[in-house]
Structures are given as C-alpha cells and as structure tokens.
PDB file of N, CA and C in Angstrom:
ATOM      1  N   MET A   1      13.114  -5.637 -12.542  1.00  0.00           N
ATOM      2  CA  MET A   1      13.297  -6.849 -13.309  1.00  0.00           C
ATOM      3  C   MET A   1      12.080  -7.057 -14.204  1.00  0.00           C
ATOM      4  N   GLU A   2      12.318  -7.348 -15.458  1.00  0.00           N
ATOM      5  CA  GLU A   2      11.225  -7.631 -16.379  1.00  0.00           C
ATOM      6  C   GLU A   2      11.499  -8.923 -17.127  1.00  0.00           C
ATOM      7  N   LEU A   3      10.459  -9.666 -17.351  1.00  0.00           N
ATOM      8  CA  LEU A   3      10.540 -10.904 -18.104  1.00  0.00           C
ATOM      9  C   LEU A   3       9.388 -10.905 -19.094  1.00  0.00           C
ATOM     10  N   HIS A   4       9.700 -10.902 -20.356  1.00  0.00           N
ATOM     11  CA  HIS A   4       8.671 -10.885 -21.396  1.00  0.00           C
ATOM     12  C   HIS A   4       7.698  -9.719 -21.217  1.00  0.00           C
ATOM     13  N   GLY A   5       8.226  -8.550 -20.831  1.00  0.00           N
ATOM     14  CA  GLY A   5       7.394  -7.362 -20.683  1.00  0.00           C
ATOM     15  C   GLY A   5       6.661  -7.254 -19.353  1.00  0.00           C
ATOM     16  N   TRP A   6       6.807  -8.211 -18.463  1.00  0.00           N
ATOM     17  CA  TRP A   6       6.157  -8.165 -17.155  1.00  0.00           C
ATOM     18  C   TRP A   6       7.181  -7.760 -16.105  1.00  0.00           C
ATOM     19  N   ASN A   7       6.751  -6.999 -15.119  1.00  0.00           N
ATOM     20  CA  ASN A   7       7.631  -6.743 -13.977  1.00  0.00           C
ATOM     21  C   ASN A   7       7.493  -7.924 -13.014  1.00  0.00           C
ATOM     22  N   TYR A   8       8.322  -7.958 -11.999  1.00  0.00           N
ATOM     23  CA  TYR A   8       8.301  -9.111 -11.077  1.00  0.00           C
ATOM     24  C   TYR A   8       6.931  -9.313 -10.441  1.00  0.00           C
ATOM     25  N   TYR A   9       6.225  -8.216 -10.124  1.00  0.00           N
ATOM     26  CA  TYR A   9       4.911  -8.381  -9.515  1.00  0.00           C
ATOM     27  C   TYR A   9       3.938  -9.031 -10.500  1.00  0.00           C
ATOM     28  N   GLY A  10       4.008  -8.640 -11.760  1.00  0.00           N
ATOM     29  CA  GLY A  10       3.150  -9.248 -12.777  1.00  0.00           C
ATOM     30  C   GLY A  10       3.379 -10.741 -12.902  1.00  0.00           C
ATOM     31  N   ILE A  11       4.639 -11.135 -12.818  1.00  0.00           N
ATOM     32  CA  ILE A  11       4.974 -12.564 -12.890  1.00  0.00           C
ATOM     33  C   ILE A  11       4.395 -13.302 -11.688  1.00  0.00           C
ATOM     34  N   ILE A  12       4.575 -12.751 -10.503  1.00  0.00           N
ATOM     35  CA  ILE A  12       4.054 -13.393  -9.288  1.00  0.00           C
ATOM     36  C   ILE A  12       2.537 -13.410  -9.291  1.00  0.00           C
ATOM     37  N   GLU A  13       1.912 -12.314  -9.723  1.00  0.00           N
ATOM     38  CA  GLU A  13       0.442 -12.250  -9.780  1.00  0.00           C
ATOM     39  C   GLU A  13      -0.086 -13.283 -10.774  1.00  0.00           C
ATOM     40  N   ASN A  14       0.598 -13.460 -11.885  1.00  0.00           N
ATOM     41  CA  ASN A  14       0.184 -14.457 -12.869  1.00  0.00           C
ATOM     42  C   ASN A  14       0.331 -15.872 -12.314  1.00  0.00           C
ATOM     43  N   THR A  15       1.364 -16.105 -11.524  1.00  0.00           N
ATOM     44  CA  THR A  15       1.622 -17.429 -10.955  1.00  0.00           C
ATOM     45  C   THR A  15       0.719 -17.730  -9.760  1.00  0.00           C
ATOM     46  N   TYR A  16       0.516 -16.715  -8.910  1.00  0.00           N
ATOM     47  CA  TYR A  16      -0.301 -16.860  -7.700  1.00  0.00           C
ATOM     48  C   TYR A  16      -1.384 -15.778  -7.692  1.00  0.00           C
ATOM     49  N   PRO A  17      -2.403 -15.893  -8.545  1.00  0.00           N
ATOM     50  CA  PRO A  17      -3.402 -14.822  -8.656  1.00  0.00           C
ATOM     51  C   PRO A  17      -4.126 -14.535  -7.336  1.00  0.00           C
ATOM     52  N   GLY A  18      -4.130 -13.244  -6.973  1.00  0.00           N
ATOM     53  CA  GLY A  18      -4.862 -12.810  -5.794  1.00  0.00           C
ATOM     54  C   GLY A  18      -4.240 -13.141  -4.454  1.00  0.00           C
ATOM     55  N   LYS A  19      -3.069 -13.742  -4.437  1.00  0.00           N
ATOM     56  CA  LYS A  19      -2.437 -14.140  -3.172  1.00  0.00           C
ATOM     57  C   LYS A  19      -1.659 -13.008  -2.517  1.00  0.00           C
ATOM     58  N   PHE A  20      -1.126 -12.096  -3.317  1.00  0.00           N
ATOM     59  CA  PHE A  20      -0.283 -11.022  -2.790  1.00  0.00           C
ATOM     60  C   PHE A  20      -0.770  -9.670  -3.300  1.00  0.00           C
ATOM     61  N   ARG A  21      -0.421  -8.631  -2.562  1.00  0.00           N
ATOM     62  CA  ARG A  21      -0.700  -7.257  -2.977  1.00  0.00           C
ATOM     63  C   ARG A  21       0.640  -6.575  -3.231  1.00  0.00           C
ATOM     64  N   PRO A  22       0.693  -5.669  -4.197  1.00  0.00           N
ATOM     65  CA  PRO A  22       1.978  -5.055  -4.547  1.00  0.00           C
ATOM     66  C   PRO A  22       2.721  -4.441  -3.370  1.00  0.00           C
ATOM     67  N   TRP A  23       2.010  -3.813  -2.448  1.00  0.00           N
ATOM     68  CA  TRP A  23       2.697  -3.148  -1.331  1.00  0.00           C
ATOM     69  C   TRP A  23       3.280  -4.115  -0.318  1.00  0.00           C
ATOM     70  N   GLU A  24       2.985  -5.397  -0.437  1.00  0.00           N
ATOM     71  CA  GLU A  24       3.552  -6.385   0.473  1.00  0.00           C
ATOM     72  C   GLU A  24       5.008  -6.713   0.135  1.00  0.00           C
ATOM     73  N   PHE A  25       5.441  -6.329  -1.048  1.00  0.00           N
ATOM     74  CA  PHE A  25       6.811  -6.594  -1.471  1.00  0.00           C
ATOM     75  C   PHE A  25       7.716  -5.432  -1.079  1.00  0.00           C
ATOM     76  N   GLN A  26       9.009  -5.674  -1.122  1.00  0.00           N
ATOM     77  CA  GLN A  26       9.967  -4.645  -0.734  1.00  0.00           C
ATOM     78  C   GLN A  26       9.855  -3.426  -1.647  1.00  0.00           C
ATOM     79  N   HIS A  27       9.554  -3.632  -2.913  1.00  0.00           N
ATOM     80  CA  HIS A  27       9.396  -2.532  -3.867  1.00  0.00           C
ATOM     81  C   HIS A  27       8.128  -2.767  -4.675  1.00  0.00           C
ATOM     82  N   VAL A  28       7.356  -1.695  -4.874  1.00  0.00           N
ATOM     83  CA  VAL A  28       6.188  -1.797  -5.744  1.00  0.00           C
ATOM     84  C   VAL A  28       6.645  -1.575  -7.186  1.00  0.00           C
ATOM     85  N   PRO A  29       5.842  -1.991  -8.162  1.00  0.00           N
ATOM     86  CA  PRO A  29       6.205  -1.735  -9.554  1.00  0.00           C
ATOM     87  C   PRO A  29       6.424  -0.235  -9.796  1.00  0.00           C
ATOM     88  N   ASN A  30       7.304   0.074 -10.718  1.00  0.00           N
ATOM     89  CA  ASN A  30       7.649   1.456 -11.039  1.00  0.00           C
ATOM     90  C   ASN A  30       6.394   2.262 -11.387  1.00  0.00           C
ATOM     91  N   GLY A  31       6.206   3.409 -10.736  1.00  0.00           N
ATOM     92  CA  GLY A  31       5.070   4.286 -10.992  1.00  0.00           C
ATOM     93  C   GLY A  31       3.771   3.855 -10.337  1.00  0.00           C
ATOM     94  N   TYR A  32       3.815   2.858  -9.484  1.00  0.00           N
ATOM     95  CA  TYR A  32       2.599   2.291  -8.885  1.00  0.00           C
ATOM     96  C   TYR A  32       1.787   3.318  -8.099  1.00  0.00           C
ATOM     97  N   TRP A  33       2.446   4.240  -7.404  1.00  0.00           N
ATOM     98  CA  TRP A  33       1.747   5.218  -6.569  1.00  0.00           C
ATOM     99  C   TRP A  33       1.549   6.564  -7.293  1.00  0.00           C
ATOM    100  N   LYS A  34       1.874   6.661  -8.566  1.00  0.00           N
ATOM    101  CA  LYS A  34       1.852   7.943  -9.280  1.00  0.00           C
ATOM    102  C   LYS A  34       0.514   8.189  -9.968  1.00  0.00           C
ATOM    103  N   GLY A  35       0.191   9.472 -10.101  1.00  0.00           N
ATOM    104  CA  GLY A  35      -1.006   9.874 -10.825  1.00  0.00           C
ATOM    105  C   GLY A  35      -2.287   9.577 -10.068  1.00  0.00           C
ATOM    106  N   GLU A  36      -3.403   9.809 -10.739  1.00  0.00           N
ATOM    107  CA  GLU A  36      -4.710   9.593 -10.113  1.00  0.00           C
ATOM    108  C   GLU A  36      -4.933   8.120  -9.776  1.00  0.00           C
ATOM    109  N   GLU A  37      -4.538   7.249 -10.694  1.00  0.00           N
ATOM    110  CA  GLU A  37      -4.685   5.811 -10.429  1.00  0.00           C
ATOM    111  C   GLU A  37      -3.823   5.386  -9.245  1.00  0.00           C
ATOM    112  N   GLY A  38      -2.615   5.934  -9.151  1.00  0.00           N
ATOM    113  CA  GLY A  38      -1.737   5.641  -8.027  1.00  0.00           C
ATOM    114  C   GLY A  38      -2.312   6.124  -6.711  1.00  0.00           C
ATOM    115  N   SER A  39      -2.925   7.315  -6.725  1.00  0.00           N
ATOM    116  CA  SER A  39      -3.573   7.836  -5.511  1.00  0.00           C
ATOM    117  C   SER A  39      -4.720   6.934  -5.087  1.00  0.00           C
ATOM    118  N   ASN A  40      -5.496   6.467  -6.051  1.00  0.00           N
ATOM    119  CA  ASN A  40      -6.597   5.548  -5.727  1.00  0.00           C
ATOM    120  C   ASN A  40      -6.065   4.237  -5.161  1.00  0.00           C
ATOM    121  N   ARG A  41      -4.960   3.746  -5.719  1.00  0.00           N
ATOM    122  CA  ARG A  41      -4.343   2.527  -5.181  1.00  0.00           C
ATOM    123  C   ARG A  41      -3.869   2.746  -3.748  1.00  0.00           C
ATOM    124  N   ALA A  42      -3.275   3.910  -3.501  1.00  0.00           N
ATOM    125  CA  ALA A  42      -2.780   4.221  -2.155  1.00  0.00           C
ATOM    126  C   ALA A  42      -3.929   4.253  -1.158  1.00  0.00           C
ATOM    127  N   ILE A  43      -5.017   4.878  -1.534  1.00  0.00           N
ATOM    128  CA  ILE A  43      -6.188   4.942  -0.653  1.00  0.00           C
ATOM    129  C   ILE A  43      -6.700   3.536  -0.358  1.00  0.00           C
ATOM    130  N   GLN A  44      -6.838   2.719  -1.393  1.00  0.00           N
ATOM    131  CA  GLN A  44      -7.319   1.348  -1.202  1.00  0.00           C
ATOM    132  C   GLN A  44      -6.355   0.536  -0.343  1.00  0.00           C
ATOM    133  N   ALA A  45      -5.061   0.726  -0.557  1.00  0.00           N
ATOM    134  CA  ALA A  45      -4.062  -0.008   0.225  1.00  0.00           C
ATOM    135  C   ALA A  45      -4.147   0.357   1.697  1.00  0.00           C
ATOM    136  N   VAL A  46      -4.232   1.656   1.986  1.00  0.00           N
ATOM    137  CA  VAL A  46      -4.305   2.106   3.382  1.00  0.00           C
ATOM    138  C   VAL A  46      -5.581   1.598   4.038  1.00  0.00           C
ATOM    139  N   GLN A  47      -6.700   1.710   3.354  1.00  0.00           N
ATOM    140  CA  GLN A  47      -7.959   1.215   3.919  1.00  0.00           C
ATOM    141  C   GLN A  47      -7.874  -0.279   4.206  1.00  0.00           C
ATOM    142  N   TYR A  48      -7.327  -1.038   3.271  1.00  0.00           N
ATOM    143  CA  TYR A  48      -7.217  -2.476   3.453  1.00  0.00           C
ATOM    144  C   TYR A  48      -6.333  -2.811   4.654  1.00  0.00           C
ATOM    145  N   VAL A  49      -5.186  -2.179   4.724  1.00  0.00           N
ATOM    146  CA  VAL A  49      -4.254  -2.476   5.816  1.00  0.00           C
ATOM    147  C   VAL A  49      -4.860  -2.109   7.163  1.00  0.00           C
ATOM    148  N   ILE A  50      -5.472  -0.930   7.254  1.00  0.00           N
ATOM    149  CA  ILE A  50      -6.074  -0.495   8.523  1.00  0.00           C
ATOM    150  C   ILE A  50      -7.214  -1.419   8.928  1.00  0.00           C
ATOM    151  N   GLU A  51      -8.134  -1.680   8.007  1.00  0.00           N
ATOM    152  CA  GLU A  51      -9.340  -2.426   8.349  1.00  0.00           C
ATOM    153  C   GLU A  51      -9.124  -3.939   8.421  1.00  0.00           C
ATOM    154  N   VAL A  52      -8.371  -4.495   7.487  1.00  0.00           N
ATOM    155  CA  VAL A  52      -8.258  -5.949   7.389  1.00  0.00           C
ATOM    156  C   VAL A  52      -6.988  -6.474   8.074  1.00  0.00           C
ATOM    157  N   ASP A  53      -5.820  -6.011   7.609  1.00  0.00           N
ATOM    158  CA  ASP A  53      -4.566  -6.535   8.166  1.00  0.00           C
ATOM    159  C   ASP A  53      -4.384  -6.177   9.637  1.00  0.00           C
ATOM    160  N   ALA A  54      -4.566  -4.899   9.966  1.00  0.00           N
ATOM    161  CA  ALA A  54      -4.321  -4.450  11.340  1.00  0.00           C
ATOM    162  C   ALA A  54      -5.578  -4.509  12.207  1.00  0.00           C
ATOM    163  N   GLY A  55      -6.754  -4.511  11.598  1.00  0.00           N
ATOM    164  CA  GLY A  55      -8.004  -4.566  12.353  1.00  0.00           C
ATOM    165  C   GLY A  55      -8.201  -3.376  13.292  1.00  0.00           C
ATOM    166  N   ILE A  56      -7.796  -2.206  12.847  1.00  0.00           N
ATOM    167  CA  ILE A  56      -7.900  -1.001  13.676  1.00  0.00           C
ATOM    168  C   ILE A  56      -9.284  -0.391  13.501  1.00  0.00           C
ATOM    169  N   THR A  57      -9.934  -0.121  14.601  1.00  0.00           N
ATOM    170  CA  THR A  57     -11.248   0.509  14.536  1.00  0.00           C
ATOM    171  C   THR A  57     -11.101   2.009  14.297  1.00  0.00           C
ATOM    172  N   LEU A  58     -12.164   2.617  13.817  1.00  0.00           N
ATOM    173  CA  LEU A  58     -12.142   4.031  13.453  1.00  0.00           C
ATOM    174  C   LEU A  58     -11.693   4.923  14.606  1.00  0.00           C
ATOM    175  N   HIS A  59     -12.182   4.674  15.815  1.00  0.00           N
ATOM    176  CA  HIS A  59     -11.833   5.554  16.935  1.00  0.00           C
ATOM    177  C   HIS A  59     -10.387   5.355  17.415  1.00  0.00           C
ATOM    178  N   LYS A  60      -9.740   4.250  17.017  1.00  0.00           N
ATOM    179  CA  LYS A  60      -8.343   4.021  17.422  1.00  0.00           C
ATOM    180  C   LYS A  60      -7.327   4.529  16.396  1.00  0.00           C
ATOM    181  N   ILE A  61      -7.793   4.965  15.231  1.00  0.00           N
ATOM    182  CA  ILE A  61      -6.870   5.419  14.195  1.00  0.00           C
ATOM    183  C   ILE A  61      -5.957   6.540  14.679  1.00  0.00           C
ATOM    184  N   PRO A  62      -6.469   7.609  15.304  1.00  0.00           N
ATOM    185  CA  PRO A  62      -5.556   8.700  15.701  1.00  0.00           C
ATOM    186  C   PRO A  62      -4.457   8.277  16.674  1.00  0.00           C
ATOM    187  N   SER A  63      -4.732   7.322  17.522  1.00  0.00           N
ATOM    188  CA  SER A  63      -3.726   6.923  18.504  1.00  0.00           C
ATOM    189  C   SER A  63      -2.832   5.771  18.019  1.00  0.00           C
ATOM    190  N   THR A  64      -3.170   5.187  16.882  1.00  0.00           N
ATOM    191  CA  THR A  64      -2.441   4.020  16.406  1.00  0.00           C
ATOM    192  C   THR A  64      -1.604   4.283  15.166  1.00  0.00           C
ATOM    193  N   ILE A  65      -2.099   5.130  14.286  1.00  0.00           N
ATOM    194  CA  ILE A  65      -1.427   5.344  13.007  1.00  0.00           C
ATOM    195  C   ILE A  65      -0.307   6.359  13.161  1.00  0.00           C
ATOM    196  N   ASN A  66       0.912   5.936  12.844  1.00  0.00           N
ATOM    197  CA  ASN A  66       2.078   6.819  12.858  1.00  0.00           C
ATOM    198  C   ASN A  66       3.057   6.327  11.794  1.00  0.00           C
ATOM    199  N   HIS A  67       4.204   6.960  11.706  1.00  0.00           N
ATOM    200  CA  HIS A  67       5.148   6.568  10.644  1.00  0.00           C
ATOM    201  C   HIS A  67       5.639   5.131  10.815  1.00  0.00           C
ATOM    202  N   HIS A  68       5.689   4.618  12.040  1.00  0.00           N
ATOM    203  CA  HIS A  68       6.096   3.225  12.259  1.00  0.00           C
ATOM    204  C   HIS A  68       5.071   2.259  11.656  1.00  0.00           C
ATOM    205  N   PHE A  69       3.799   2.609  11.785  1.00  0.00           N
ATOM    206  CA  PHE A  69       2.732   1.800  11.203  1.00  0.00           C
ATOM    207  C   PHE A  69       2.949   1.646   9.699  1.00  0.00           C
ATOM    208  N   PHE A  70       3.215   2.778   9.019  1.00  0.00           N
ATOM    209  CA  PHE A  70       3.398   2.728   7.569  1.00  0.00           C
ATOM    210  C   PHE A  70       4.659   1.970   7.180  1.00  0.00           C
ATOM    211  N   LYS A  71       5.683   2.093   7.974  1.00  0.00           N
ATOM    212  CA  LYS A  71       6.918   1.351   7.698  1.00  0.00           C
ATOM    213  C   LYS A  71       6.684  -0.145   7.889  1.00  0.00           C
ATOM    214  N   ASN A  72       6.012  -0.519   8.965  1.00  0.00           N
ATOM    215  CA  ASN A  72       5.749  -1.930   9.257  1.00  0.00           C
ATOM    216  C   ASN A  72       4.892  -2.597   8.180  1.00  0.00           C
ATOM    217  N   TYR A  73       3.964  -1.835   7.599  1.00  0.00           N
ATOM    218  CA  TYR A  73       3.080  -2.386   6.576  1.00  0.00           C
ATOM    219  C   TYR A  73       3.533  -2.042   5.163  1.00  0.00           C
ATOM    220  N   ARG A  74       4.771  -1.575   5.030  1.00  0.00           N
ATOM    221  CA  ARG A  74       5.399  -1.276   3.740  1.00  0.00           C
ATOM    222  C   ARG A  74       4.628  -0.246   2.926  1.00  0.00           C
ATOM    223  N   LEU A  75       4.089   0.740   3.602  1.00  0.00           N
ATOM    224  CA  LEU A  75       3.374   1.826   2.928  1.00  0.00           C
ATOM    225  C   LEU A  75       4.087   3.158   3.122  1.00  0.00           C
ATOM    226  N   GLY A  76       5.354   3.118   3.455  1.00  0.00           N
ATOM    227  CA  GLY A  76       6.096   4.323   3.803  1.00  0.00           C
ATOM    228  C   GLY A  76       6.289   5.326   2.695  1.00  0.00           C
ATOM    229  N   GLY A  77       6.184   4.933   1.439  1.00  0.00           N
ATOM    230  CA  GLY A  77       6.471   5.851   0.341  1.00  0.00           C
ATOM    231  C   GLY A  77       5.287   6.633  -0.171  1.00  0.00           C
ATOM    232  N   ILE A  78       4.149   6.534   0.483  1.00  0.00           N
ATOM    233  CA  ILE A  78       2.964   7.222  -0.049  1.00  0.00           C
ATOM    234  C   ILE A  78       2.581   8.400   0.820  1.00  0.00           C
ATOM    235  N   PHE A  79       1.927   9.376   0.221  1.00  0.00           N
ATOM    236  CA  PHE A  79       1.409  10.557   0.907  1.00  0.00           C
ATOM    237  C   PHE A  79       2.479  11.288   1.703  1.00  0.00           C
ATOM    238  N   ALA A  80       3.660  11.385   1.168  1.00  0.00           N
ATOM    239  CA  ALA A  80       4.773  12.103   1.806  1.00  0.00           C
ATOM    240  C   ALA A  80       5.031  11.599   3.225  1.00  0.00           C
ATOM    241  N   GLN A  81       4.725  10.341   3.471  1.00  0.00           N
ATOM    242  CA  GLN A  81       4.964   9.677   4.758  1.00  0.00           C
ATOM    243  C   GLN A  81       4.324  10.410   5.937  1.00  0.00           C
ATOM    244  N   SER A  82       3.224  11.085   5.699  1.00  0.00           N
ATOM    245  CA  SER A  82       2.518  11.798   6.753  1.00  0.00           C
ATOM    246  C   SER A  82       1.255  11.050   7.128  1.00  0.00           C
ATOM    247  N   PRO A  83       1.177  10.518   8.338  1.00  0.00           N
ATOM    248  CA  PRO A  83      -0.043   9.834   8.758  1.00  0.00           C
ATOM    249  C   PRO A  83      -1.292  10.711   8.629  1.00  0.00           C
ATOM    250  N   PHE A  84      -1.161  11.996   8.956  1.00  0.00           N
ATOM    251  CA  PHE A  84      -2.330  12.874   8.826  1.00  0.00           C
ATOM    252  C   PHE A  84      -2.778  12.981   7.382  1.00  0.00           C
ATOM    253  N   ASN A  85      -1.816  13.182   6.453  1.00  0.00           N
ATOM    254  CA  ASN A  85      -2.177  13.277   5.033  1.00  0.00           C
ATOM    255  C   ASN A  85      -2.885  12.016   4.553  1.00  0.00           C
ATOM    256  N   VAL A  86      -2.413  10.860   5.008  1.00  0.00           N
ATOM    257  CA  VAL A  86      -3.039   9.596   4.602  1.00  0.00           C
ATOM    258  C   VAL A  86      -4.457   9.521   5.106  1.00  0.00           C
ATOM    259  N   ILE A  87      -4.659   9.710   6.384  1.00  0.00           N
ATOM    260  CA  ILE A  87      -5.993   9.573   6.962  1.00  0.00           C
ATOM    261  C   ILE A  87      -6.934  10.637   6.405  1.00  0.00           C
ATOM    262  N   ASP A  88      -6.437  11.846   6.214  1.00  0.00           N
ATOM    263  CA  ASP A  88      -7.264  12.913   5.654  1.00  0.00           C
ATOM    264  C   ASP A  88      -7.693  12.561   4.241  1.00  0.00           C
ATOM    265  N   THR A  89      -6.812  11.997   3.446  1.00  0.00           N
ATOM    266  CA  THR A  89      -7.133  11.611   2.081  1.00  0.00           C
ATOM    267  C   THR A  89      -8.076  10.434   2.032  1.00  0.00           C
ATOM    268  N   VAL A  90      -7.820   9.444   2.859  1.00  0.00           N
ATOM    269  CA  VAL A  90      -8.680   8.247   2.890  1.00  0.00           C
ATOM    270  C   VAL A  90     -10.045   8.608   3.412  1.00  0.00           C
TER     271      VAL A  90
END
C-alpha cells in the first residue's frame, strides 16, 4: 500500500516516529532485507531482538535461538531462516 509515495511503514513512522520497527509488522517494506543495506538492517534487527526484546545473554544464544524464535519475533524471512547463519553473521 502506498499513499503519496510512502509505503505503510513510512506513514506509520511519520505519524509515530520511533515507536515501531519495520520487522514488528506482518510485512516489511518491499526490498527491506535486500542488498548490503538490507543485510545491515537484518544484523541490527537480530541484535536488537536478542539483546533488548528477548534479553538473551551471549552464553544462552545457542540453546535459545531456533526457527521458532525468528518466527515469534517476525524475523523469519532473513538469512534463509537459519539460526546458525544469523548468529554467524551477527
């Protein structure tokens, strides 16, 4: 959905600046995870969710992070849905 050249996330971000993150919605803006900038966004999103939202400590990551974790935090579409690929990249 676009309104005046903005996607829905742009509209919400303009209305409620800093209140939401793109991955919190059911769908991220088109191309959000693509390219080098998309990879950097994915890394930042995973770090934020692990450290802030979930409060997982470094030593608990291997026993806690799995595909259910990514689905629950709406990060399922990044890094080929592989927990190892995500943690290795981050």
